[in-house]
Protein backbone atom coordinates (compact mmCIF):
# COMPACT_ATOMS: atom_id res chain seq x y z
CA MET A 1 -27.97 -7.51 1.79
CA ASN A 2 -30.94 -9.81 0.50
CA CYS A 3 -29.44 -12.16 -2.98
CA LYS A 4 -32.23 -14.43 -3.18
CA ASN A 5 -32.98 -13.17 -6.78
CA PRO A 6 -30.36 -10.95 -8.16
CA THR A 7 -31.65 -11.83 -11.25
CA ASP A 8 -35.22 -10.45 -11.00
CA ALA A 9 -36.90 -8.11 -12.79
CA ARG A 10 -36.77 -5.30 -10.85
CA TYR A 11 -32.99 -5.22 -11.19
CA HIS A 12 -33.54 -4.21 -14.83
CA GLN A 13 -36.21 -1.98 -14.47
CA ARG A 14 -35.95 2.27 -15.12
CA THR A 15 -37.70 4.48 -13.25
CA GLN A 16 -41.33 5.62 -15.28
CA THR A 17 -40.05 9.00 -15.82
CA THR A 18 -36.59 10.00 -17.43
CA PRO A 19 -34.51 12.21 -14.78
CA SER A 20 -32.34 15.21 -16.15
CA PRO A 21 -28.80 14.68 -17.18
CA VAL A 22 -26.20 15.65 -14.70
CA LYS A 23 -23.39 17.26 -15.95
CA TYR A 24 -20.32 16.24 -15.02
CA THR A 25 -16.81 18.28 -16.02
CA TRP A 26 -13.66 16.57 -15.78
CA PRO A 27 -11.73 18.26 -13.33
CA ARG A 28 -7.82 19.17 -14.09
CA ARG A 29 -6.15 18.60 -11.44
CA THR A 30 -2.14 18.64 -12.22
CA ALA A 31 0.01 18.10 -15.09
CA ARG A 32 0.43 14.43 -13.28
CA ASP A 33 -3.08 13.54 -14.38
CA ALA A 34 -3.08 14.89 -18.10
CA GLY A 35 -2.49 11.96 -19.74
CA VAL A 36 -5.23 9.36 -17.88
CA ILE A 37 -8.00 12.61 -18.80
CA ALA A 38 -6.81 13.15 -21.82
CA LEU A 39 -7.33 9.65 -22.59
CA VAL A 40 -11.38 9.61 -20.76
CA LEU A 41 -11.81 13.11 -23.05
CA ARG A 42 -10.71 11.70 -26.17
CA ALA A 43 -13.23 8.72 -25.41
CA GLN A 44 -16.05 10.64 -24.65
CA GLY A 45 -15.85 14.35 -23.64
CA PRO A 46 -17.77 15.39 -20.76
CA ILE A 47 -20.32 12.68 -19.89
CA SER A 48 -24.42 12.99 -19.32
CA LEU A 49 -24.98 10.59 -16.41
CA PHE A 50 -28.19 9.89 -15.43
CA MET A 51 -28.75 10.26 -11.96
CA ASP A 52 -31.86 7.75 -11.10
CA HIS A 53 -32.66 5.01 -9.31
CA TYR A 54 -29.45 2.59 -8.97
CA ASP A 55 -28.77 1.27 -6.21
CA HIS A 56 -30.39 -2.29 -6.31
CA LEU A 57 -28.65 -2.64 -9.50
CA VAL A 58 -25.22 -2.55 -7.54
CA ALA A 59 -26.69 -5.03 -4.70
CA GLY A 60 -27.67 -7.11 -7.14
CA ALA A 61 -24.38 -7.10 -9.19
CA ARG A 62 -22.80 -7.61 -6.12
CA CYS A 63 -24.74 -10.73 -5.20
CA LEU A 64 -24.03 -11.85 -8.49
CA ASN A 65 -20.24 -10.83 -8.40
CA ARG A 66 -19.42 -13.46 -5.07
CA ARG A 67 -16.75 -15.42 -4.77
CA GLY A 68 -17.22 -18.47 -6.74
CA ALA A 69 -19.26 -17.13 -8.82
CA SER A 70 -19.60 -19.12 -12.27
CA ALA A 71 -18.61 -17.17 -15.38
CA THR A 72 -22.62 -16.44 -16.10
CA GLU A 73 -23.04 -15.14 -13.10
CA MET A 74 -19.71 -12.72 -13.40
CA ALA A 75 -20.55 -11.25 -17.00
CA GLN A 76 -24.50 -10.58 -15.52
CA ALA A 77 -22.78 -8.75 -13.04
CA PHE A 78 -21.23 -7.13 -15.08
CA ARG A 79 -23.65 -5.72 -17.21
CA LEU A 80 -25.59 -4.93 -13.61
CA PHE A 81 -22.96 -3.26 -13.00
CA THR A 82 -22.40 -0.76 -16.58
CA GLU A 83 -25.89 -0.26 -16.38
CA ALA A 84 -25.97 1.67 -12.64
CA ALA A 85 -22.40 3.12 -13.68
CA SER A 86 -24.50 4.69 -16.84
CA ARG A 87 -26.57 6.40 -13.89
CA GLY A 88 -24.42 7.76 -12.44
CA SER A 89 -23.33 5.26 -9.45
CA ALA A 90 -19.37 6.03 -8.45
CA ASP A 91 -19.73 2.75 -6.54
CA ALA A 92 -20.20 0.91 -9.72
CA MET A 93 -17.98 2.74 -12.06
CA GLU A 94 -15.46 1.78 -9.38
CA GLU A 95 -16.61 -2.17 -9.79
CA VAL A 96 -16.43 -1.82 -13.46
CA ALA A 97 -13.22 -0.93 -13.41
CA THR A 98 -12.18 -2.96 -10.90
CA MET A 99 -13.70 -6.13 -13.13
CA LEU A 100 -11.77 -4.78 -16.42
CA ALA A 101 -8.56 -4.33 -14.65
CA THR A 102 -8.47 -7.74 -13.61
CA GLY A 103 -10.30 -9.41 -16.19
CA ARG A 104 -12.85 -11.05 -13.88
CA GLY A 105 -15.86 -11.92 -15.95
CA VAL A 106 -15.11 -10.03 -18.97
CA ARG A 107 -12.08 -9.17 -21.25
CA HIS A 108 -9.37 -8.17 -19.81
CA ALA A 109 -8.91 -4.36 -20.84
CA PRO A 110 -6.79 -2.04 -18.65
CA ASP A 111 -7.62 1.04 -21.03
CA ALA A 112 -11.35 0.67 -20.20
CA ALA A 113 -10.23 0.34 -16.92
CA LEU A 114 -8.64 3.82 -16.61
CA HIS A 115 -11.47 4.94 -17.96
CA TYR A 116 -14.01 3.94 -15.41
CA TYR A 117 -11.72 4.66 -12.42
CA GLN A 118 -11.44 8.57 -13.32
CA LEU A 119 -15.46 8.38 -13.86
CA ALA A 120 -15.35 6.55 -10.78
CA ILE A 121 -13.08 9.55 -8.74
CA ALA A 122 -15.17 12.30 -10.47
CA ALA A 123 -18.38 10.95 -9.48
CA GLY A 124 -17.15 10.73 -5.54
CA SER A 125 -15.44 7.24 -5.18
CA VAL A 126 -12.72 7.00 -2.73
CA ARG A 127 -12.04 3.51 -3.50
CA ALA A 128 -11.35 4.29 -7.24
CA ASN A 129 -8.02 5.94 -6.33
CA ALA A 130 -6.23 2.81 -4.89
CA GLY A 131 -7.66 0.58 -7.77
CA LEU A 132 -6.31 3.44 -10.44
CA ALA A 133 -3.10 3.94 -8.60
CA ALA A 134 -2.51 0.36 -8.34
CA LEU A 135 -3.45 -0.19 -12.21
CA LEU A 136 -0.72 3.01 -13.20
CA ASN A 137 1.90 1.06 -11.33
CA SER A 138 1.24 -2.02 -12.85
CA PRO A 139 2.87 -3.93 -16.22
CA ALA A 140 -0.78 -3.75 -17.71
CA ILE A 141 0.17 -0.08 -18.55
CA GLU A 142 2.56 0.18 -21.19
CA ASP A 143 3.92 3.59 -19.86
CA ARG A 144 3.67 2.58 -16.29
CA ASP A 145 3.63 5.66 -13.97
CA ALA A 146 5.22 5.24 -10.80
CA GLU A 147 4.81 8.83 -9.27
CA SER A 148 1.16 9.08 -10.33
CA ALA A 149 0.30 6.05 -8.60
CA ALA A 150 1.67 7.23 -5.47
CA GLU A 151 -0.14 10.43 -5.78
CA PHE A 152 -3.59 8.64 -6.27
CA TYR A 153 -2.76 6.34 -3.56
CA ALA A 154 -2.46 9.50 -1.05
CA ASP A 155 -5.33 10.83 -2.08
CA GLY A 156 -6.91 7.92 -0.73
CA ALA A 157 -4.88 7.87 1.73
CA GLY A 158 -5.50 11.18 2.92
CA VAL A 159 -9.59 10.67 3.50
CA GLY A 160 -8.46 6.84 5.54
CA ASP A 161 -9.20 4.56 2.42
CA GLY A 162 -7.11 1.16 3.74
CA ASP A 163 -6.31 -0.01 0.54
CA ALA A 164 -4.86 3.47 -0.61
CA LEU A 165 -2.86 3.76 2.95
CA TYR A 166 -1.64 0.04 2.11
CA GLY A 167 -0.49 1.05 -1.60
CA LEU A 168 1.27 4.18 -0.95
CA ALA A 169 2.87 2.32 2.85
CA ARG A 170 4.29 -0.50 -0.04
CA MET A 171 5.75 2.44 -2.39
CA ARG A 172 7.48 4.12 0.21
CA ARG A 173 9.20 1.14 1.65
CA ASP A 174 10.02 0.03 -1.77
CA GLY A 175 11.41 3.37 -3.07
CA GLU A 176 8.69 3.15 -5.66
CA GLY A 177 7.46 6.56 -6.50
CA GLY A 178 9.81 9.11 -4.64
CA ARG A 179 12.61 7.96 -2.07
CA ARG A 180 12.14 4.95 0.18
CA ASP A 181 11.18 6.10 3.80
CA LEU A 182 10.88 2.61 5.80
CA THR A 183 9.63 5.42 8.62
CA ALA A 184 7.00 6.52 6.57
CA ALA A 185 5.80 2.80 5.69
CA ARG A 186 5.60 1.73 9.12
CA ILE A 187 2.95 4.82 10.07
CA LEU A 188 1.15 4.04 6.68
CA PHE A 189 0.92 0.46 7.23
CA ARG A 190 -0.10 0.68 10.93
CA GLN A 191 -3.02 3.72 9.88
CA ALA A 192 -4.09 0.56 7.38
CA ALA A 193 -3.83 -1.92 9.85
CA ARG A 194 -6.26 -0.02 11.97
CA ALA A 195 -8.42 0.88 9.28
CA GLY A 196 -8.67 -3.20 9.13
CA HIS A 197 -5.86 -4.02 6.31
CA TRP A 198 -4.79 -7.14 7.51
CA GLN A 199 -2.13 -7.04 4.37
CA ALA A 200 -0.92 -4.15 6.22
CA ALA A 201 -0.82 -5.84 10.10
CA ARG A 202 1.14 -8.57 8.24
CA GLU A 203 3.62 -6.27 6.51
CA LEU A 204 4.36 -4.85 9.70
CA ALA A 205 5.10 -8.12 11.54
CA ALA A 206 7.16 -8.74 8.57
CA MET A 207 9.15 -5.84 8.85
CA HIS A 208 9.96 -6.35 12.61
CA LEU A 209 11.05 -9.44 12.32
CA THR A 210 13.92 -8.01 10.04
CA ASP A 211 14.57 -5.43 12.46
CA GLY A 212 14.94 -8.51 14.97
CA ASN A 213 11.77 -7.54 17.03
CA PRO A 214 10.03 -10.81 17.56
CA LEU A 215 7.85 -9.77 20.14
CA GLU A 216 6.58 -6.78 17.87
CA ALA A 217 6.37 -9.34 15.45
CA TRP A 218 4.57 -11.67 17.18
CA ALA A 219 2.06 -9.14 18.03
CA TRP A 220 0.91 -7.93 14.74
CA MET A 221 1.03 -11.44 12.94
CA ARG A 222 -1.70 -11.71 15.91
CA ARG A 223 -3.15 -8.75 14.94
CA ALA A 224 -3.06 -9.93 11.40
CA VAL A 225 -4.86 -12.88 11.56
CA ALA A 226 -7.40 -11.15 13.65
CA LEU A 227 -8.08 -9.00 11.20
CA GLY A 228 -8.71 -12.08 8.20
CA GLY A 229 -5.49 -12.83 7.63
CA GLY A 230 -5.21 -16.59 7.20
CA ALA A 231 -4.13 -19.85 9.06
CA ALA A 232 -0.18 -19.47 7.39
CA ILE A 233 0.05 -16.32 9.14
CA ARG A 234 -1.30 -17.86 12.64
CA GLU A 235 0.98 -21.22 12.09
CA GLN A 236 4.00 -18.42 11.77
CA ALA A 237 2.97 -16.84 15.04
CA GLU A 238 2.49 -20.38 16.99
CA ARG A 239 6.24 -21.49 15.78
CA LEU A 240 7.39 -17.65 16.93
CA GLU A 241 5.39 -17.96 20.42
CA TYR A 242 7.32 -21.66 21.03
CA GLY A 243 10.90 -19.65 21.77
CA PHE A 244 8.83 -17.17 23.96
CA SER A 245 9.62 -17.09 27.60
CA ALA A 246 6.71 -16.85 29.79
CA ALA A 247 7.87 -13.32 30.91
CA GLU A 248 8.60 -12.47 26.80
CA LEU A 249 4.52 -13.86 26.03
CA GLN A 250 3.13 -12.09 28.36
CA GLN A 251 5.02 -8.73 26.90
CA ALA A 252 4.39 -9.87 23.61
CA GLN A 253 0.39 -10.46 24.72
CA ASP A 254 0.74 -6.75 26.25
CA LEU A 255 1.76 -5.39 22.15
CA LEU A 256 -1.35 -7.14 21.10
CA HIS A 257 -3.46 -5.21 23.46
CA ALA A 258 -1.73 -2.00 22.18
CA VAL A 259 -1.83 -2.27 18.91
CA ALA A 260 -5.46 -3.55 18.77
CA ALA A 261 -6.65 -0.36 21.02
């Protein structure tokens, strides 16, 4: 991505001709969505979104919204994401929702975040399912709804989204939004890790340690490091490795090859 001039005037230019609006009508999926959808419908009802060029807006906003960005840069990013969202970008809607949900660069506004996550899902964003689920299952929402959160996680998990798989695995492990199911949690954590989610690999390592399986735990720690986990996980794996015999280390390395395959 070219981030040399993210505030260049071209990021703010509209096309010469006014595009035709595309109407979005909210799908009433199940009763579990009624409360959240009602919030959105009360806010605006069916929305007209203009589907013109917005990729440059999203690219510019992401350049500004990098790690270590200043408050001014984050505020500029939010404005660009909001502009792109108004033109129909599902990715931008999800980014706006996440910034509102976390208070990154803007005032923390969970109700507005719910609104934008629903917009993003209706516009086709897969990632927004996990964001909405996390928000619904957080203390930021007055009427915390773990059951609906689990179902939104399941929607994202069904198409292989790593964050959704990870979130649903945690809920299954902890018995939130349904009965506790450690077998399902392990399967979901494994799928999330295969999708590149290093925290899922770390959770699998922790579960194997709890079960008294240090070789499997070491393999998943090493996998977590390979996927982007930090020095703390690497050091934990090294401490565990000191207690292995040569044969056990070979077996652990074979397990690592298997989980990375």
